[in-house]
PDB file of N, CA and C in Angstrom:
ATOM      1  N   MET A   1     146.256 106.156  86.268  1.00  0.00           N
ATOM      2  CA  MET A   1     144.853 105.943  86.771  1.00  0.00           C
ATOM      3  C   MET A   1     144.564 104.422  86.768  1.00  0.00           C
ATOM      4  N   LYS A   2     143.722 103.958  87.618  1.00  0.00           N
ATOM      5  CA  LYS A   2     143.272 102.631  87.795  1.00  0.00           C
ATOM      6  C   LYS A   2     141.825 102.498  87.387  1.00  0.00           C
ATOM      7  N   ALA A   3     141.465 101.411  87.100  1.00  0.00           N
ATOM      8  CA  ALA A   3     140.201 101.106  86.931  1.00  0.00           C
ATOM      9  C   ALA A   3     139.632  99.819  87.361  1.00  0.00           C
ATOM     10  N   LEU A   4     138.332  99.812  88.003  1.00  0.00           N
ATOM     11  CA  LEU A   4     137.861  98.437  88.448  1.00  0.00           C
ATOM     12  C   LEU A   4     136.581  98.338  87.417  1.00  0.00           C
ATOM     13  N   ILE A   5     136.671  97.317  86.786  1.00  0.00           N
ATOM     14  CA  ILE A   5     135.645  96.970  85.862  1.00  0.00           C
ATOM     15  C   ILE A   5     134.986  95.620  85.857  1.00  0.00           C
ATOM     16  N   ILE A   6     133.718  95.832  86.170  1.00  0.00           N
ATOM     17  CA  ILE A   6     132.937  94.533  86.544  1.00  0.00           C
ATOM     18  C   ILE A   6     131.702  94.573  85.508  1.00  0.00           C
ATOM     19  N   ILE A   7     131.893  93.621  84.571  1.00  0.00           N
ATOM     20  CA  ILE A   7     130.788  93.514  83.383  1.00  0.00           C
ATOM     21  C   ILE A   7     130.151  92.249  83.537  1.00  0.00           C
ATOM     22  N   ASP A   8     128.716  92.536  83.886  1.00  0.00           N
ATOM     23  CA  ASP A   8     127.818  91.397  83.825  1.00  0.00           C
ATOM     24  C   ASP A   8     128.211  90.050  84.452  1.00  0.00           C
ATOM     25  N   MET A   9     128.824  90.452  85.639  1.00  0.00           N
ATOM     26  CA  MET A   9     129.497  89.235  86.286  1.00  0.00           C
ATOM     27  C   MET A   9     128.370  88.228  86.732  1.00  0.00           C
ATOM     28  N   LEU A  10     127.389  88.528  87.226  1.00  0.00           N
ATOM     29  CA  LEU A  10     126.256  87.623  87.686  1.00  0.00           C
ATOM     30  C   LEU A  10     125.744  86.863  86.547  1.00  0.00           C
ATOM     31  N   ASN A  11     125.343  87.406  85.537  1.00  0.00           N
ATOM     32  CA  ASN A  11     124.557  86.890  84.375  1.00  0.00           C
ATOM     33  C   ASN A  11     125.606  85.789  83.733  1.00  0.00           C
ATOM     34  N   ASP A  12     126.863  86.273  83.522  1.00  0.00           N
ATOM     35  CA  ASP A  12     127.930  85.404  82.891  1.00  0.00           C
ATOM     36  C   ASP A  12     128.447  84.181  83.721  1.00  0.00           C
ATOM     37  N   PHE A  13     128.826  84.517  84.778  1.00  0.00           N
ATOM     38  CA  PHE A  13     129.670  83.680  85.703  1.00  0.00           C
ATOM     39  C   PHE A  13     128.768  83.003  86.881  1.00  0.00           C
ATOM     40  N   VAL A  14     127.723  83.367  87.267  1.00  0.00           N
ATOM     41  CA  VAL A  14     126.897  82.703  88.142  1.00  0.00           C
ATOM     42  C   VAL A  14     125.805  81.803  87.428  1.00  0.00           C
ATOM     43  N   THR A  15     125.063  82.383  86.562  1.00  0.00           N
ATOM     44  CA  THR A  15     124.067  81.581  86.165  1.00  0.00           C
ATOM     45  C   THR A  15     123.911  81.426  84.605  1.00  0.00           C
ATOM     46  N   GLY A  16     124.999  81.886  83.905  1.00  0.00           N
ATOM     47  CA  GLY A  16     125.043  81.989  82.399  1.00  0.00           C
ATOM     48  C   GLY A  16     125.811  80.980  81.938  1.00  0.00           C
ATOM     49  N   VAL A  17     126.329  81.145  80.587  1.00  0.00           N
ATOM     50  CA  VAL A  17     127.033  80.254  79.688  1.00  0.00           C
ATOM     51  C   VAL A  17     128.242  79.721  80.566  1.00  0.00           C
ATOM     52  N   LEU A  18     128.873  80.707  81.342  1.00  0.00           N
ATOM     53  CA  LEU A  18     130.268  80.497  81.951  1.00  0.00           C
ATOM     54  C   LEU A  18     130.166  80.096  83.440  1.00  0.00           C
ATOM     55  N   ALA A  19     128.922  79.687  83.739  1.00  0.00           N
ATOM     56  CA  ALA A  19     128.561  79.488  85.102  1.00  0.00           C
ATOM     57  C   ALA A  19     129.486  78.405  85.992  1.00  0.00           C
ATOM     58  N   ASN A  20     130.009  78.926  86.962  1.00  0.00           N
ATOM     59  CA  ASN A  20     130.518  78.335  87.846  1.00  0.00           C
ATOM     60  C   ASN A  20     130.181  78.864  89.196  1.00  0.00           C
ATOM     61  N   LYS A  21     128.977  78.499  89.526  1.00  0.00           N
ATOM     62  CA  LYS A  21     128.160  79.273  90.803  1.00  0.00           C
ATOM     63  C   LYS A  21     129.031  79.209  92.122  1.00  0.00           C
ATOM     64  N   GLU A  22     129.536  78.128  92.428  1.00  0.00           N
ATOM     65  CA  GLU A  22     130.300  77.947  93.758  1.00  0.00           C
ATOM     66  C   GLU A  22     131.397  78.890  93.891  1.00  0.00           C
ATOM     67  N   LYS A  23     132.148  79.107  92.845  1.00  0.00           N
ATOM     68  CA  LYS A  23     133.391  79.839  92.839  1.00  0.00           C
ATOM     69  C   LYS A  23     133.005  81.228  92.740  1.00  0.00           C
ATOM     70  N   ALA A  24     131.981  81.678  91.942  1.00  0.00           N
ATOM     71  CA  ALA A  24     131.474  82.905  91.712  1.00  0.00           C
ATOM     72  C   ALA A  24     130.821  83.482  92.948  1.00  0.00           C
ATOM     73  N   MET A  25     130.264  82.632  93.694  1.00  0.00           N
ATOM     74  CA  MET A  25     129.581  83.087  94.827  1.00  0.00           C
ATOM     75  C   MET A  25     130.485  83.671  95.984  1.00  0.00           C
ATOM     76  N   LYS A  26     131.727  82.934  95.840  1.00  0.00           N
ATOM     77  CA  LYS A  26     132.696  83.399  97.053  1.00  0.00           C
ATOM     78  C   LYS A  26     133.410  84.605  96.820  1.00  0.00           C
ATOM     79  N   ILE A  27     133.300  85.025  95.465  1.00  0.00           N
ATOM     80  CA  ILE A  27     133.859  86.326  95.111  1.00  0.00           C
ATOM     81  C   ILE A  27     133.221  87.540  95.055  1.00  0.00           C
ATOM     82  N   ILE A  28     131.700  87.279  95.381  1.00  0.00           N
ATOM     83  CA  ILE A  28     130.821  88.556  95.479  1.00  0.00           C
ATOM     84  C   ILE A  28     131.074  89.370  96.618  1.00  0.00           C
ATOM     85  N   PRO A  29     131.339  88.828  97.722  1.00  0.00           N
ATOM     86  CA  PRO A  29     131.642  89.679  98.941  1.00  0.00           C
ATOM     87  C   PRO A  29     132.934  90.413  98.680  1.00  0.00           C
ATOM     88  N   VAL A  30     133.993  89.954  97.913  1.00  0.00           N
ATOM     89  CA  VAL A  30     135.299  90.656  97.682  1.00  0.00           C
ATOM     90  C   VAL A  30     134.847  91.701  96.828  1.00  0.00           C
ATOM     91  N   ILE A  31     134.062  91.632  95.763  1.00  0.00           N
ATOM     92  CA  ILE A  31     133.780  92.568  94.831  1.00  0.00           C
ATOM     93  C   ILE A  31     133.032  93.596  95.601  1.00  0.00           C
ATOM     94  N   GLN A  32     132.151  93.366  96.392  1.00  0.00           N
ATOM     95  CA  GLN A  32     131.289  94.320  97.097  1.00  0.00           C
ATOM     96  C   GLN A  32     132.191  95.200  97.880  1.00  0.00           C
ATOM     97  N   ARG A  33     133.028  94.592  98.641  1.00  0.00           N
ATOM     98  CA  ARG A  33     133.991  95.352  99.423  1.00  0.00           C
ATOM     99  C   ARG A  33     134.962  96.195  98.707  1.00  0.00           C
ATOM    100  N   THR A  34     135.334  95.732  97.617  1.00  0.00           N
ATOM    101  CA  THR A  34     136.007  96.387  96.759  1.00  0.00           C
ATOM    102  C   THR A  34     135.265  97.819  96.118  1.00  0.00           C
ATOM    103  N   ILE A  35     134.212  97.542  95.864  1.00  0.00           N
ATOM    104  CA  ILE A  35     133.222  98.732  95.309  1.00  0.00           C
ATOM    105  C   ILE A  35     133.124  99.635  96.453  1.00  0.00           C
ATOM    106  N   ALA A  36     132.723  99.152  97.680  1.00  0.00           N
ATOM    107  CA  ALA A  36     132.466 100.212  98.776  1.00  0.00           C
ATOM    108  C   ALA A  36     133.638 100.905  99.073  1.00  0.00           C
ATOM    109  N   HIS A  37     134.950 100.330  99.111  1.00  0.00           N
ATOM    110  CA  HIS A  37     136.329 101.004  99.246  1.00  0.00           C
ATOM    111  C   HIS A  37     136.359 101.995  98.328  1.00  0.00           C
ATOM    112  N   LYS A  38     136.073 101.753  97.148  1.00  0.00           N
ATOM    113  CA  LYS A  38     136.507 102.730  96.136  1.00  0.00           C
ATOM    114  C   LYS A  38     134.970 103.656  95.597  1.00  0.00           C
ATOM    115  N   ALA A  39     134.096 103.702  96.585  1.00  0.00           N
ATOM    116  CA  ALA A  39     132.942 104.399  96.174  1.00  0.00           C
ATOM    117  C   ALA A  39     133.242 105.994  96.033  1.00  0.00           C
ATOM    118  N   SER A  40     134.229 106.544  96.624  1.00  0.00           N
ATOM    119  CA  SER A  40     134.614 107.959  96.593  1.00  0.00           C
ATOM    120  C   SER A  40     135.433 108.185  95.200  1.00  0.00           C
ATOM    121  N   CYS A  41     135.728 107.176  94.596  1.00  0.00           N
ATOM    122  CA  CYS A  41     136.412 107.339  93.325  1.00  0.00           C
ATOM    123  C   CYS A  41     135.473 107.922  92.271  1.00  0.00           C
ATOM    124  N   MET A  42     135.996 108.237  90.954  1.00  0.00           N
ATOM    125  CA  MET A  42     135.348 108.490  89.918  1.00  0.00           C
ATOM    126  C   MET A  42     134.469 107.261  89.445  1.00  0.00           C
ATOM    127  N   ASN A  43     133.145 107.392  89.184  1.00  0.00           N
ATOM    128  CA  ASN A  43     132.306 106.078  88.725  1.00  0.00           C
ATOM    129  C   ASN A  43     132.012 106.606  87.296  1.00  0.00           C
ATOM    130  N   VAL A  44     132.069 105.438  86.538  1.00  0.00           N
ATOM    131  CA  VAL A  44     131.773 105.558  85.027  1.00  0.00           C
ATOM    132  C   VAL A  44     130.911 104.338  84.959  1.00  0.00           C
ATOM    133  N   PHE A  45     129.537 104.707  84.232  1.00  0.00           N
ATOM    134  CA  PHE A  45     128.400 103.466  84.205  1.00  0.00           C
ATOM    135  C   PHE A  45     128.250 103.618  82.497  1.00  0.00           C
TER     136      PHE A  45
END
């Protein structure tokens, strides 16, 4: 079984304590595509 875990990415890595906005903004489209591709898989919130 594989899992894609995204935890508070925007608050921590874009605007929060660990902010690196330039690099974080580049990865958002990648995360969005991955989520869309895996949308048919089991989701846990």
